[in-house]
Amino acid sequence: MVQVITDARHTLDLNVYYLSSNPILSALRRDHARGVKVQVILDQHPYGIKPWMVRREAWAVRETGASLHWAPARFAATDGHYRFDHAKLCGVWSRGGNRHRQFRLVRFS
């Protein structure tokens, strides 16, 4: 995931359930310093994670210069049940060899 983040040249949209990885946070900080528009979407109430840990996580993301957004608490599914945001996605706009912008969406498990 760090390489995908490092490849960003214009915008980076990252959606993860919980973010505590120092290498990823450092890569976000470097992107922001290079002028990349960095947006991070996190789950504000991840299951099994203490509130103080979520506050620390939010602080760490904001310290990178990224724009922090909270995912909706739950999504209604067509079967009447709810689904929670447990995605691990990274969308990157970068410049290709022919100077055209290229978009990559990477899903991590």
C-alpha atoms as a PDB file:
ATOM      1  CA  MET A   1       0.000   0.000   0.000  1.00  0.00           C
ATOM      2  CA  VAL A   2       2.900   2.375   0.708  1.00  0.00           C
ATOM      3  CA  GLN A   3       4.046   2.158  -2.932  1.00  0.00           C
ATOM      4  CA  VAL A   4       0.550   2.957  -4.213  1.00  0.00           C
ATOM      5  CA  ILE A   5       0.410   5.997  -1.902  1.00  0.00           C
ATOM      6  CA  THR A   6       3.879   7.100  -2.986  1.00  0.00           C
ATOM      7  CA  ASP A   7       2.837   6.933  -6.664  1.00  0.00           C
ATOM      8  CA  ALA A   8       0.140   9.605  -6.174  1.00  0.00           C
ATOM      9  CA  ARG A   9       0.822  12.851  -8.000  1.00  0.00           C
ATOM     10  CA  HIS A  10      -2.469  14.783  -7.890  1.00  0.00           C
ATOM     11  CA  THR A  11      -4.970  13.279  -5.466  1.00  0.00           C
ATOM     12  CA  LEU A  12      -5.068  10.358  -3.074  1.00  0.00           C
ATOM     13  CA  ASP A  13      -8.271   9.014  -1.535  1.00  0.00           C
ATOM     14  CA  LEU A  14      -7.758   6.380   1.135  1.00  0.00           C
ATOM     15  CA  ASN A  15     -10.582   4.500   2.849  1.00  0.00           C
ATOM     16  CA  VAL A  16      -9.575   2.155   5.670  1.00  0.00           C
ATOM     17  CA  TYR A  17     -11.272   0.752   8.741  1.00  0.00           C
ATOM     18  CA  TYR A  18      -8.475   1.711  11.153  1.00  0.00           C
ATOM     19  CA  LEU A  19      -5.121   3.344  10.421  1.00  0.00           C
ATOM     20  CA  SER A  20      -2.202   2.894  12.796  1.00  0.00           C
ATOM     21  CA  SER A  21       0.604   2.023  10.372  1.00  0.00           C
ATOM     22  CA  ASN A  22       3.539   4.417  10.728  1.00  0.00           C
ATOM     23  CA  PRO A  23       4.859   3.638   7.207  1.00  0.00           C
ATOM     24  CA  ILE A  24       1.459   4.511   5.710  1.00  0.00           C
ATOM     25  CA  LEU A  25       1.132   7.669   7.810  1.00  0.00           C
ATOM     26  CA  SER A  26       4.639   8.718   6.733  1.00  0.00           C
ATOM     27  CA  ALA A  27       3.775   8.128   3.070  1.00  0.00           C
ATOM     28  CA  LEU A  28       0.626  10.277   3.458  1.00  0.00           C
ATOM     29  CA  ARG A  29       2.731  13.033   5.054  1.00  0.00           C
ATOM     30  CA  ARG A  30       5.228  12.934   2.173  1.00  0.00           C
ATOM     31  CA  ASP A  31       2.429  13.073  -0.425  1.00  0.00           C
ATOM     32  CA  HIS A  32       0.873  16.086   1.275  1.00  0.00           C
ATOM     33  CA  ALA A  33       4.281  17.810   1.426  1.00  0.00           C
ATOM     34  CA  ARG A  34       4.638  17.241  -2.355  1.00  0.00           C
ATOM     35  CA  GLY A  35       1.304  18.986  -2.954  1.00  0.00           C
ATOM     36  CA  VAL A  36      -0.869  15.901  -3.396  1.00  0.00           C
ATOM     37  CA  LYS A  37      -4.459  16.432  -2.203  1.00  0.00           C
ATOM     38  CA  VAL A  38      -4.806  13.672   0.420  1.00  0.00           C
ATOM     39  CA  GLN A  39      -8.186  12.597   1.785  1.00  0.00           C
ATOM     40  CA  VAL A  40      -8.668   9.799   4.304  1.00  0.00           C
ATOM     41  CA  ILE A  41     -11.968   8.139   5.236  1.00  0.00           C
ATOM     42  CA  LEU A  42     -12.042   6.227   8.528  1.00  0.00           C
ATOM     43  CA  ASP A  43     -14.638   4.427  10.592  1.00  0.00           C
ATOM     44  CA  GLN A  44     -15.393   6.652  13.595  1.00  0.00           C
ATOM     45  CA  HIS A  45     -16.636   3.732  15.711  1.00  0.00           C
ATOM     46  CA  PRO A  46     -14.670   0.642  14.645  1.00  0.00           C
ATOM     47  CA  TYR A  47     -15.761  -2.513  16.422  1.00  0.00           C
ATOM     48  CA  GLY A  48     -13.437  -3.503  19.259  1.00  0.00           C
ATOM     49  CA  ILE A  49     -11.330  -0.327  19.096  1.00  0.00           C
ATOM     50  CA  LYS A  50     -11.299   1.905  22.191  1.00  0.00           C
ATOM     51  CA  PRO A  51     -12.442   5.554  21.735  1.00  0.00           C
ATOM     52  CA  TRP A  52      -9.055   6.909  22.870  1.00  0.00           C
ATOM     53  CA  MET A  53      -7.403   4.853  20.125  1.00  0.00           C
ATOM     54  CA  VAL A  54      -9.732   6.366  17.510  1.00  0.00           C
ATOM     55  CA  ARG A  55      -8.903   9.870  18.801  1.00  0.00           C
ATOM     56  CA  ARG A  56      -5.192   9.075  18.535  1.00  0.00           C
ATOM     57  CA  GLU A  57      -5.742   7.705  15.026  1.00  0.00           C
ATOM     58  CA  ALA A  58      -7.618  10.863  13.955  1.00  0.00           C
ATOM     59  CA  TRP A  59      -4.880  13.060  15.400  1.00  0.00           C
ATOM     60  CA  ALA A  60      -2.185  11.076  13.545  1.00  0.00           C
ATOM     61  CA  VAL A  61      -4.054  11.388  10.225  1.00  0.00           C
ATOM     62  CA  ARG A  62      -4.621  15.129  10.651  1.00  0.00           C
ATOM     63  CA  GLU A  63      -0.923  15.572  11.504  1.00  0.00           C
ATOM     64  CA  THR A  64      -0.041  14.270   8.032  1.00  0.00           C
ATOM     65  CA  GLY A  65      -1.890  17.235   6.503  1.00  0.00           C
ATOM     66  CA  ALA A  66      -4.584  14.957   5.076  1.00  0.00           C
ATOM     67  CA  SER A  67      -8.236  15.881   5.114  1.00  0.00           C
ATOM     68  CA  LEU A  68     -10.050  13.475   7.462  1.00  0.00           C
ATOM     69  CA  HIS A  69     -13.610  12.309   6.843  1.00  0.00           C
ATOM     70  CA  TRP A  70     -15.680   9.835   8.843  1.00  0.00           C
ATOM     71  CA  ALA A  71     -17.486   7.012   7.059  1.00  0.00           C
ATOM     72  CA  PRO A  72     -21.224   6.695   7.690  1.00  0.00           C
ATOM     73  CA  ALA A  73     -21.840   4.637  10.809  1.00  0.00           C
ATOM     74  CA  ARG A  74     -23.634   1.971   8.817  1.00  0.00           C
ATOM     75  CA  PHE A  75     -25.118   1.337   5.415  1.00  0.00           C
ATOM     76  CA  ALA A  76     -28.584  -0.111   4.832  1.00  0.00           C
ATOM     77  CA  ALA A  77     -28.485  -3.205   2.625  1.00  0.00           C
ATOM     78  CA  THR A  78     -31.306  -4.395   0.399  1.00  0.00           C
ATOM     79  CA  ASP A  79     -31.963  -7.404   2.650  1.00  0.00           C
ATOM     80  CA  GLY A  80     -32.907  -5.112   5.556  1.00  0.00           C
ATOM     81  CA  HIS A  81     -29.639  -5.663   7.414  1.00  0.00           C
ATOM     82  CA  TYR A  82     -26.861  -3.173   7.912  1.00  0.00           C
ATOM     83  CA  ARG A  83     -23.333  -3.319   6.609  1.00  0.00           C
ATOM     84  CA  PHE A  84     -20.398  -1.526   8.162  1.00  0.00           C
ATOM     85  CA  ASP A  85     -17.548   0.151   6.311  1.00  0.00           C
ATOM     86  CA  HIS A  86     -14.664  -2.290   6.480  1.00  0.00           C
ATOM     87  CA  ALA A  87     -13.155  -1.298   3.151  1.00  0.00           C
ATOM     88  CA  LYS A  88      -9.487  -0.949   2.407  1.00  0.00           C
ATOM     89  CA  LEU A  89      -9.386   1.125  -0.767  1.00  0.00           C
ATOM     90  CA  CYS A  90      -6.903   3.546  -2.227  1.00  0.00           C
ATOM     91  CA  GLY A  91      -7.712   5.728  -5.243  1.00  0.00           C
ATOM     92  CA  VAL A  92      -4.751   7.512  -6.843  1.00  0.00           C
ATOM     93  CA  TRP A  93      -4.553  10.072  -9.629  1.00  0.00           C
ATOM     94  CA  SER A  94      -1.103  10.058 -11.137  1.00  0.00           C
ATOM     95  CA  ARG A  95       0.495  11.234 -14.340  1.00  0.00           C
ATOM     96  CA  GLY A  96       1.259   8.649 -16.966  1.00  0.00           C
ATOM     97  CA  GLY A  97       4.252   8.583 -19.268  1.00  0.00           C
ATOM     98  CA  ASN A  98       2.359  10.454 -21.978  1.00  0.00           C
ATOM     99  CA  ARG A  99       1.445  13.268 -19.538  1.00  0.00           C
ATOM    100  CA  HIS A 100      -2.170  12.095 -19.281  1.00  0.00           C
ATOM    101  CA  ARG A 101      -3.657  11.559 -15.879  1.00  0.00           C
ATOM    102  CA  GLN A 102      -4.284   7.974 -14.878  1.00  0.00           C
ATOM    103  CA  PHE A 103      -6.568   6.739 -12.116  1.00  0.00           C
ATOM    104  CA  ARG A 104      -5.864   3.577 -10.119  1.00  0.00           C
ATOM    105  CA  LEU A 105      -8.219   2.073  -7.586  1.00  0.00           C
ATOM    106  CA  VAL A 106      -6.565  -0.555  -5.422  1.00  0.00           C
ATOM    107  CA  ARG A 107      -8.414  -2.781  -2.995  1.00  0.00           C
ATOM    108  CA  PHE A 108      -6.452  -4.345  -0.157  1.00  0.00           C
ATOM    109  CA  SER A 109      -7.544  -7.308   1.918  1.00  0.00           C
END
